[in-house]
Amino acid sequence: MTSGTAFIFRAIEPCDQARAEDHDFAVSGTKVTNRLYERTTDGEGTATFQVLIPDDGTLTSAGKVMIRLTYTGVNVHYEPSIADAWLIATS
């Protein structure tokens, strides 16, 4: 990643039932978005999602990033279970 350049976080998540997930998405301690996902298909499968992370240089200034998905605590929603994740440069 180049400091000051947007990047993409992409993840694959295993699923085993229809459910909703709600979690905050933070990069290097800064909340960048909230992800609400509702899977309507029952049974096993996967969901792939990606988030564009804009960066003015403050998120990547240390030369590395820490990405944290935090369950919001909403009773009817589930926390994420990420099977695989990677970062993609946009330039």
Protein backbone atom coordinates (compact mmCIF):
# COMPACT_ATOMS: atom_id res chain seq x y z
CA MET A 1 0.00 0.00 0.00
CA THR A 2 1.07 3.53 -0.66
CA SER A 3 0.48 5.97 2.18
CA GLY A 4 -2.21 8.48 1.27
CA THR A 5 -3.82 6.19 -1.31
CA ALA A 6 -7.14 4.40 -0.96
CA PHE A 7 -7.09 0.61 -0.70
CA ILE A 8 -9.61 -2.21 -0.67
CA PHE A 9 -10.20 -4.76 2.08
CA ARG A 10 -11.71 -7.96 0.69
CA ALA A 11 -12.83 -10.94 2.76
CA ILE A 12 -14.50 -14.32 2.43
CA GLU A 13 -16.81 -15.38 5.21
CA PRO A 14 -18.28 -18.87 5.76
CA CYS A 15 -22.04 -19.06 6.31
CA ASP A 16 -24.22 -21.83 7.65
CA GLN A 17 -27.66 -20.24 7.89
CA ALA A 18 -29.77 -17.24 6.99
CA ARG A 19 -28.86 -14.40 9.37
CA ALA A 20 -27.97 -10.76 9.74
CA GLU A 21 -24.59 -9.38 10.76
CA ASP A 22 -23.83 -5.89 11.94
CA HIS A 23 -20.32 -4.76 12.74
CA ASP A 24 -18.15 -1.67 12.79
CA PHE A 25 -15.11 -1.63 10.55
CA ALA A 26 -12.03 0.19 11.88
CA VAL A 27 -8.58 0.72 10.39
CA SER A 28 -5.69 1.60 12.71
CA GLY A 29 -8.18 2.54 15.43
CA THR A 30 -10.32 4.78 13.21
CA LYS A 31 -13.88 3.70 12.38
CA VAL A 32 -14.30 3.89 8.62
CA THR A 33 -17.72 2.30 8.13
CA ASN A 34 -20.42 0.04 9.49
CA ARG A 35 -21.29 -3.15 7.61
CA LEU A 36 -24.80 -4.56 7.83
CA TYR A 37 -25.21 -7.78 5.89
CA GLU A 38 -28.32 -9.94 5.70
CA ARG A 39 -28.01 -13.42 4.23
CA THR A 40 -31.39 -14.77 3.19
CA THR A 41 -30.22 -18.17 1.94
CA ASP A 42 -30.25 -21.02 4.43
CA GLY A 43 -27.55 -23.70 4.46
CA GLU A 44 -23.78 -23.69 4.03
CA GLY A 45 -22.01 -21.27 1.72
CA THR A 46 -19.72 -18.28 1.61
CA ALA A 47 -20.12 -14.54 1.31
CA THR A 48 -17.47 -12.31 -0.21
CA PHE A 49 -17.41 -8.62 0.55
CA GLN A 50 -15.10 -5.71 0.06
CA VAL A 51 -14.76 -2.25 1.55
CA LEU A 52 -13.02 0.71 -0.07
CA ILE A 53 -10.84 2.43 2.52
CA PRO A 54 -10.11 6.07 1.70
CA ASP A 55 -6.81 7.25 3.15
CA ASP A 56 -5.38 10.73 3.36
CA GLY A 57 -2.19 9.29 4.83
CA THR A 58 -3.32 9.16 8.46
CA LEU A 59 -4.38 5.48 8.38
CA THR A 60 -1.15 4.26 6.77
CA SER A 61 1.33 6.73 8.25
CA ALA A 62 2.95 4.01 10.40
CA GLY A 63 3.67 1.88 7.33
CA LYS A 64 1.18 -0.77 8.41
CA VAL A 65 -2.51 -1.02 9.27
CA MET A 66 -4.58 -3.01 11.73
CA ILE A 67 -8.09 -3.86 10.63
CA ARG A 68 -10.72 -4.69 13.21
CA LEU A 69 -14.31 -5.79 12.69
CA THR A 70 -16.27 -5.28 15.90
CA TYR A 71 -19.65 -6.82 16.59
CA THR A 72 -22.09 -4.02 17.43
CA GLY A 73 -23.91 -6.05 20.07
CA VAL A 74 -27.32 -5.91 18.43
CA ASN A 75 -29.14 -8.98 19.78
CA VAL A 76 -30.58 -10.23 16.51
CA HIS A 77 -27.29 -10.00 14.63
CA TYR A 78 -24.18 -12.18 14.60
CA GLU A 79 -20.50 -11.37 14.70
CA PRO A 80 -18.35 -11.93 11.60
CA SER A 81 -16.28 -15.06 11.08
CA ILE A 82 -13.67 -14.24 8.44
CA ALA A 83 -12.07 -17.21 6.67
CA ASP A 84 -9.71 -15.26 4.42
CA ALA A 85 -8.86 -11.58 3.95
CA TRP A 86 -6.50 -9.47 1.91
CA LEU A 87 -5.73 -5.86 0.97
CA ILE A 88 -5.73 -4.60 -2.59
CA ALA A 89 -3.99 -1.41 -3.70
CA THR A 90 -6.07 0.93 -5.86
CA SER A 91 -3.13 2.46 -7.68
